[in-house]
Amino acid sequence: MRTLTALLCCLFTLLAHATTEVAGIRFQDSATIGEHTLALNGAGLRTKFFFKIYAVGLYLPSRATTAAAALEDTGAKRIDLTLLRDLSARKFVDALDAGLEKNLSATEMAALKPRITQFTQTLLALGEAHEGTRIQIDYTPTRGTQLVVAGQDAGAPIAGAEFFDALLRVWIGAHPAQDDLKARLLGR
């Protein structure tokens, strides 16, 4: 009986510290935003011209294997990036803008323009982020979207689920930043 108890304790300890690793970056299998507990849906590597740009994980309240399921979930969500190289805010904003334009209609872009501007201004104020910097984009229904850089809130929260979902479509939308990354974020 003692052996079984010891074995179960070890198993629970291992499960409590379960992680997924991408390019040397570890993503915990669960995350908490306020009182919301999220599960790691998937994680992958963003590359460009064979350069590793960042590792990214997607946290959702429950598993989703399709973009539609992830976007339809009305609960808290997190996009968790760790930079694998120095990156200027301007380059990140340009890539984000391009991704939004590819995945949103002109009407959606116009409706979200003030919030996109607020978010990009917050990013641009950061200047340059260095290799190893952790950037989280958190969404909760009560607070909206909050940018978190190196564990600190950056800028004011941005209201509306549609804004976070527009950002999420950059990675898992119809025209994602990278097809294999979309598949990994959706746990495929």
C-alpha atoms as a PDB file:
ATOM      1  CA  MET A   1       0.000   0.000   0.000  1.00  0.00           C
ATOM      2  CA  ARG A   2       2.850   2.403   0.787  1.00  0.00           C
ATOM      3  CA  THR A   3       4.390   1.703  -2.599  1.00  0.00           C
ATOM      4  CA  LEU A   4       1.127   2.538  -4.355  1.00  0.00           C
ATOM      5  CA  THR A   5       0.749   5.737  -2.332  1.00  0.00           C
ATOM      6  CA  ALA A   6       4.323   6.787  -3.132  1.00  0.00           C
ATOM      7  CA  LEU A   7       3.798   6.005  -6.814  1.00  0.00           C
ATOM      8  CA  LEU A   8       0.592   8.053  -6.934  1.00  0.00           C
ATOM      9  CA  CYS A   9       2.296  10.991  -5.187  1.00  0.00           C
ATOM     10  CA  CYS A  10       5.098  10.933  -7.761  1.00  0.00           C
ATOM     11  CA  LEU A  11       2.602  10.727 -10.614  1.00  0.00           C
ATOM     12  CA  PHE A  12       0.583  13.692  -9.323  1.00  0.00           C
ATOM     13  CA  THR A  13       3.769  15.705  -8.826  1.00  0.00           C
ATOM     14  CA  LEU A  14       4.833  15.031 -12.407  1.00  0.00           C
ATOM     15  CA  LEU A  15       1.400  15.899 -13.753  1.00  0.00           C
ATOM     16  CA  ALA A  16       1.303  19.114 -11.737  1.00  0.00           C
ATOM     17  CA  HIS A  17       4.486  20.246 -13.442  1.00  0.00           C
ATOM     18  CA  ALA A  18       3.679  18.996 -16.941  1.00  0.00           C
ATOM     19  CA  THR A  19       5.049  21.197 -19.685  1.00  0.00           C
ATOM     20  CA  THR A  20       5.361  21.374 -23.437  1.00  0.00           C
ATOM     21  CA  GLU A  21       8.668  22.546 -24.870  1.00  0.00           C
ATOM     22  CA  VAL A  22       9.136  24.460 -28.125  1.00  0.00           C
ATOM     23  CA  ALA A  23      12.627  25.595 -29.179  1.00  0.00           C
ATOM     24  CA  GLY A  24      13.789  25.420 -25.573  1.00  0.00           C
ATOM     25  CA  ILE A  25      10.815  27.434 -24.258  1.00  0.00           C
ATOM     26  CA  ARG A  26       8.585  25.649 -21.773  1.00  0.00           C
ATOM     27  CA  PHE A  27       4.841  26.158 -21.736  1.00  0.00           C
ATOM     28  CA  GLN A  28       2.981  24.974 -18.653  1.00  0.00           C
ATOM     29  CA  ASP A  29       0.014  22.740 -19.409  1.00  0.00           C
ATOM     30  CA  SER A  30      -2.235  25.188 -17.573  1.00  0.00           C
ATOM     31  CA  ALA A  31      -2.278  28.904 -16.858  1.00  0.00           C
ATOM     32  CA  THR A  32      -4.328  31.227 -14.699  1.00  0.00           C
ATOM     33  CA  ILE A  33      -5.654  34.688 -15.518  1.00  0.00           C
ATOM     34  CA  GLY A  34      -7.330  36.061 -12.415  1.00  0.00           C
ATOM     35  CA  GLU A  35      -9.794  33.379 -11.365  1.00  0.00           C
ATOM     36  CA  HIS A  36      -9.797  31.735 -14.820  1.00  0.00           C
ATOM     37  CA  THR A  37      -7.866  28.490 -15.273  1.00  0.00           C
ATOM     38  CA  LEU A  38      -6.882  27.742 -18.862  1.00  0.00           C
ATOM     39  CA  ALA A  39      -5.411  24.691 -20.574  1.00  0.00           C
ATOM     40  CA  LEU A  40      -2.599  24.767 -23.106  1.00  0.00           C
ATOM     41  CA  ASN A  41      -4.375  24.075 -26.378  1.00  0.00           C
ATOM     42  CA  GLY A  42      -1.191  23.915 -28.430  1.00  0.00           C
ATOM     43  CA  ALA A  43       2.220  25.481 -28.915  1.00  0.00           C
ATOM     44  CA  GLY A  44       4.497  26.037 -31.869  1.00  0.00           C
ATOM     45  CA  LEU A  45       7.347  27.942 -33.437  1.00  0.00           C
ATOM     46  CA  ARG A  46       7.057  31.049 -35.631  1.00  0.00           C
ATOM     47  CA  THR A  47       9.786  31.132 -38.234  1.00  0.00           C
ATOM     48  CA  LYS A  48      10.571  33.446 -41.101  1.00  0.00           C
ATOM     49  CA  PHE A  49      13.155  32.617 -43.756  1.00  0.00           C
ATOM     50  CA  PHE A  50      14.497  29.803 -41.540  1.00  0.00           C
ATOM     51  CA  PHE A  51      14.989  32.188 -38.592  1.00  0.00           C
ATOM     52  CA  LYS A  52      13.300  31.307 -35.318  1.00  0.00           C
ATOM     53  CA  ILE A  53      11.262  34.373 -34.309  1.00  0.00           C
ATOM     54  CA  TYR A  54       9.238  33.265 -31.278  1.00  0.00           C
ATOM     55  CA  ALA A  55       7.646  30.302 -29.546  1.00  0.00           C
ATOM     56  CA  VAL A  56       3.934  30.724 -28.927  1.00  0.00           C
ATOM     57  CA  GLY A  57       1.311  28.884 -26.916  1.00  0.00           C
ATOM     58  CA  LEU A  58      -2.457  29.217 -27.007  1.00  0.00           C
ATOM     59  CA  TYR A  59      -4.388  28.780 -23.768  1.00  0.00           C
ATOM     60  CA  LEU A  60      -8.151  28.232 -23.777  1.00  0.00           C
ATOM     61  CA  PRO A  61     -10.800  27.232 -21.208  1.00  0.00           C
ATOM     62  CA  SER A  62     -11.280  23.925 -23.045  1.00  0.00           C
ATOM     63  CA  ARG A  63      -9.547  22.151 -25.921  1.00  0.00           C
ATOM     64  CA  ALA A  64     -10.360  23.257 -29.462  1.00  0.00           C
ATOM     65  CA  THR A  65      -9.105  21.592 -32.634  1.00  0.00           C
ATOM     66  CA  THR A  66     -10.656  24.089 -35.036  1.00  0.00           C
ATOM     67  CA  ALA A  67     -10.297  27.830 -35.337  1.00  0.00           C
ATOM     68  CA  ALA A  68     -14.082  28.185 -35.188  1.00  0.00           C
ATOM     69  CA  ALA A  69     -14.254  26.374 -31.841  1.00  0.00           C
ATOM     70  CA  ALA A  70     -11.429  28.482 -30.381  1.00  0.00           C
ATOM     71  CA  LEU A  71     -12.980  31.727 -31.595  1.00  0.00           C
ATOM     72  CA  GLU A  72     -16.503  30.812 -30.469  1.00  0.00           C
ATOM     73  CA  ASP A  73     -15.373  30.095 -26.902  1.00  0.00           C
ATOM     74  CA  THR A  74     -16.520  33.086 -24.852  1.00  0.00           C
ATOM     75  CA  GLY A  75     -14.238  32.447 -21.884  1.00  0.00           C
ATOM     76  CA  ALA A  76     -10.797  33.749 -20.981  1.00  0.00           C
ATOM     77  CA  LYS A  77      -7.940  33.123 -23.443  1.00  0.00           C
ATOM     78  CA  ARG A  78      -4.205  33.734 -23.652  1.00  0.00           C
ATOM     79  CA  ILE A  79      -1.655  34.031 -26.444  1.00  0.00           C
ATOM     80  CA  ASP A  80       1.755  33.469 -24.810  1.00  0.00           C
ATOM     81  CA  LEU A  81       4.874  34.361 -26.845  1.00  0.00           C
ATOM     82  CA  THR A  82       8.549  34.194 -25.946  1.00  0.00           C
ATOM     83  CA  LEU A  83      10.938  35.907 -28.347  1.00  0.00           C
ATOM     84  CA  LEU A  84      13.810  33.842 -29.694  1.00  0.00           C
ATOM     85  CA  ARG A  85      15.609  36.877 -31.108  1.00  0.00           C
ATOM     86  CA  ASP A  86      15.614  40.633 -30.612  1.00  0.00           C
ATOM     87  CA  LEU A  87      12.601  42.181 -32.313  1.00  0.00           C
ATOM     88  CA  SER A  88      11.659  45.807 -32.792  1.00  0.00           C
ATOM     89  CA  ALA A  89       8.137  46.821 -31.901  1.00  0.00           C
ATOM     90  CA  ARG A  90       7.788  48.287 -35.413  1.00  0.00           C
ATOM     91  CA  LYS A  91       8.446  44.877 -37.048  1.00  0.00           C
ATOM     92  CA  PHE A  92       6.009  43.162 -34.698  1.00  0.00           C
ATOM     93  CA  VAL A  93       3.325  45.806 -35.353  1.00  0.00           C
ATOM     94  CA  ASP A  94       3.845  45.583 -39.129  1.00  0.00           C
ATOM     95  CA  ALA A  95       3.458  41.788 -39.025  1.00  0.00           C
ATOM     96  CA  LEU A  96       0.393  42.098 -36.803  1.00  0.00           C
ATOM     97  CA  ASP A  97      -1.198  44.683 -39.124  1.00  0.00           C
ATOM     98  CA  ALA A  98      -0.545  42.458 -42.149  1.00  0.00           C
ATOM     99  CA  GLY A  99      -2.102  39.487 -40.358  1.00  0.00           C
ATOM    100  CA  LEU A 100      -5.167  41.488 -39.372  1.00  0.00           C
ATOM    101  CA  GLU A 101      -5.635  42.773 -42.927  1.00  0.00           C
ATOM    102  CA  LYS A 102      -5.426  39.205 -44.293  1.00  0.00           C
ATOM    103  CA  ASN A 103      -7.978  37.846 -41.842  1.00  0.00           C
ATOM    104  CA  LEU A 104     -10.517  40.650 -41.395  1.00  0.00           C
ATOM    105  CA  SER A 105     -12.938  42.227 -43.829  1.00  0.00           C
ATOM    106  CA  ALA A 106     -12.717  45.957 -44.526  1.00  0.00           C
ATOM    107  CA  THR A 107     -15.831  46.438 -42.376  1.00  0.00           C
ATOM    108  CA  GLU A 108     -14.286  44.527 -39.457  1.00  0.00           C
ATOM    109  CA  MET A 109     -11.043  46.489 -39.774  1.00  0.00           C
ATOM    110  CA  ALA A 110     -12.930  49.788 -39.753  1.00  0.00           C
ATOM    111  CA  ALA A 111     -14.961  48.796 -36.684  1.00  0.00           C
ATOM    112  CA  LEU A 112     -11.835  47.729 -34.783  1.00  0.00           C
ATOM    113  CA  LYS A 113      -9.573  50.572 -35.979  1.00  0.00           C
ATOM    114  CA  PRO A 114      -9.563  52.583 -32.700  1.00  0.00           C
ATOM    115  CA  ARG A 115      -8.767  49.466 -30.661  1.00  0.00           C
ATOM    116  CA  ILE A 116      -6.115  48.290 -33.113  1.00  0.00           C
ATOM    117  CA  THR A 117      -4.529  51.745 -32.915  1.00  0.00           C
ATOM    118  CA  GLN A 118      -4.575  51.661 -29.105  1.00  0.00           C
ATOM    119  CA  PHE A 119      -2.928  48.221 -29.090  1.00  0.00           C
ATOM    120  CA  THR A 120      -0.266  49.092 -31.673  1.00  0.00           C
ATOM    121  CA  GLN A 121       0.584  52.348 -29.870  1.00  0.00           C
ATOM    122  CA  THR A 122       1.145  50.346 -26.677  1.00  0.00           C
ATOM    123  CA  LEU A 123       3.412  47.958 -28.586  1.00  0.00           C
ATOM    124  CA  LEU A 124       5.341  50.786 -30.258  1.00  0.00           C
ATOM    125  CA  ALA A 125       5.946  52.436 -26.876  1.00  0.00           C
ATOM    126  CA  LEU A 126       7.922  49.328 -25.909  1.00  0.00           C
ATOM    127  CA  GLY A 127      10.588  50.105 -28.519  1.00  0.00           C
ATOM    128  CA  GLU A 128      12.523  46.863 -28.829  1.00  0.00           C
ATOM    129  CA  ALA A 129      12.003  43.564 -27.097  1.00  0.00           C
ATOM    130  CA  HIS A 130      15.003  41.344 -26.551  1.00  0.00           C
ATOM    131  CA  GLU A 131      15.493  37.625 -26.949  1.00  0.00           C
ATOM    132  CA  GLY A 132      13.810  35.845 -24.055  1.00  0.00           C
ATOM    133  CA  THR A 133      11.147  38.527 -23.525  1.00  0.00           C
ATOM    134  CA  ARG A 134       7.782  37.006 -22.703  1.00  0.00           C
ATOM    135  CA  ILE A 135       4.726  38.703 -24.201  1.00  0.00           C
ATOM    136  CA  GLN A 136       1.240  37.614 -23.239  1.00  0.00           C
ATOM    137  CA  ILE A 137      -1.996  38.792 -24.742  1.00  0.00           C
ATOM    138  CA  ASP A 138      -4.670  37.975 -22.176  1.00  0.00           C
ATOM    139  CA  TYR A 139      -8.419  38.171 -22.592  1.00  0.00           C
ATOM    140  CA  THR A 140     -11.075  37.940 -19.904  1.00  0.00           C
ATOM    141  CA  PRO A 141     -14.750  38.753 -20.452  1.00  0.00           C
ATOM    142  CA  THR A 142     -14.778  41.305 -17.616  1.00  0.00           C
ATOM    143  CA  ARG A 143     -11.508  43.088 -18.407  1.00  0.00           C
ATOM    144  CA  GLY A 144     -11.035  42.721 -22.148  1.00  0.00           C
ATOM    145  CA  THR A 145      -7.625  42.312 -23.777  1.00  0.00           C
ATOM    146  CA  GLN A 146      -4.529  43.121 -21.742  1.00  0.00           C
ATOM    147  CA  LEU A 147      -0.985  43.150 -23.090  1.00  0.00           C
ATOM    148  CA  VAL A 148       1.498  41.796 -20.536  1.00  0.00           C
ATOM    149  CA  VAL A 149       5.249  42.176 -21.127  1.00  0.00           C
ATOM    150  CA  ALA A 150       7.733  40.437 -18.841  1.00  0.00           C
ATOM    151  CA  GLY A 151       4.981  39.929 -16.272  1.00  0.00           C
ATOM    152  CA  GLN A 152       3.861  43.587 -16.194  1.00  0.00           C
ATOM    153  CA  ASP A 153       0.684  45.053 -17.685  1.00  0.00           C
ATOM    154  CA  ALA A 154       1.463  47.290 -20.661  1.00  0.00           C
ATOM    155  CA  GLY A 155      -1.147  49.868 -21.589  1.00  0.00           C
ATOM    156  CA  ALA A 156      -4.809  49.859 -20.678  1.00  0.00           C
ATOM    157  CA  PRO A 157      -7.150  46.912 -21.255  1.00  0.00           C
ATOM    158  CA  ILE A 158      -9.046  46.954 -24.547  1.00  0.00           C
ATOM    159  CA  ALA A 159     -12.749  46.095 -24.335  1.00  0.00           C
ATOM    160  CA  GLY A 160     -14.562  43.518 -26.415  1.00  0.00           C
ATOM    161  CA  ALA A 161     -14.121  39.848 -27.257  1.00  0.00           C
ATOM    162  CA  GLU A 162     -14.135  40.706 -30.963  1.00  0.00           C
ATOM    163  CA  PHE A 163     -10.814  42.539 -30.587  1.00  0.00           C
ATOM    164  CA  PHE A 164      -9.021  39.587 -28.986  1.00  0.00           C
ATOM    165  CA  ASP A 165     -10.553  37.221 -31.524  1.00  0.00           C
ATOM    166  CA  ALA A 166      -9.311  39.459 -34.350  1.00  0.00           C
ATOM    167  CA  LEU A 167      -5.782  39.197 -32.918  1.00  0.00           C
ATOM    168  CA  LEU A 168      -6.139  35.432 -32.517  1.00  0.00           C
ATOM    169  CA  ARG A 169      -7.108  35.118 -36.186  1.00  0.00           C
ATOM    170  CA  VAL A 170      -3.603  36.337 -37.090  1.00  0.00           C
ATOM    171  CA  TRP A 171      -2.376  32.914 -35.914  1.00  0.00           C
ATOM    172  CA  ILE A 172      -5.392  30.619 -36.443  1.00  0.00           C
ATOM    173  CA  GLY A 173      -7.569  32.438 -38.983  1.00  0.00           C
ATOM    174  CA  ALA A 174      -8.235  31.559 -42.621  1.00  0.00           C
ATOM    175  CA  HIS A 175      -4.919  33.154 -43.643  1.00  0.00           C
ATOM    176  CA  PRO A 176      -2.617  32.474 -40.674  1.00  0.00           C
ATOM    177  CA  ALA A 177       0.886  33.815 -40.218  1.00  0.00           C
ATOM    178  CA  GLN A 178       2.143  30.254 -40.727  1.00  0.00           C
ATOM    179  CA  ASP A 179       0.086  27.144 -41.598  1.00  0.00           C
ATOM    180  CA  ASP A 180       2.032  24.631 -39.513  1.00  0.00           C
ATOM    181  CA  LEU A 181       1.948  26.998 -36.534  1.00  0.00           C
ATOM    182  CA  LYS A 182      -1.853  27.225 -36.823  1.00  0.00           C
ATOM    183  CA  ALA A 183      -2.049  23.430 -36.762  1.00  0.00           C
ATOM    184  CA  ARG A 184       0.152  23.226 -33.666  1.00  0.00           C
ATOM    185  CA  LEU A 185      -1.808  25.913 -31.802  1.00  0.00           C
ATOM    186  CA  LEU A 186      -4.960  23.935 -32.532  1.00  0.00           C
ATOM    187  CA  GLY A 187      -3.350  20.822 -31.089  1.00  0.00           C
ATOM    188  CA  ARG A 188      -3.004  19.003 -34.405  1.00  0.00           C
END
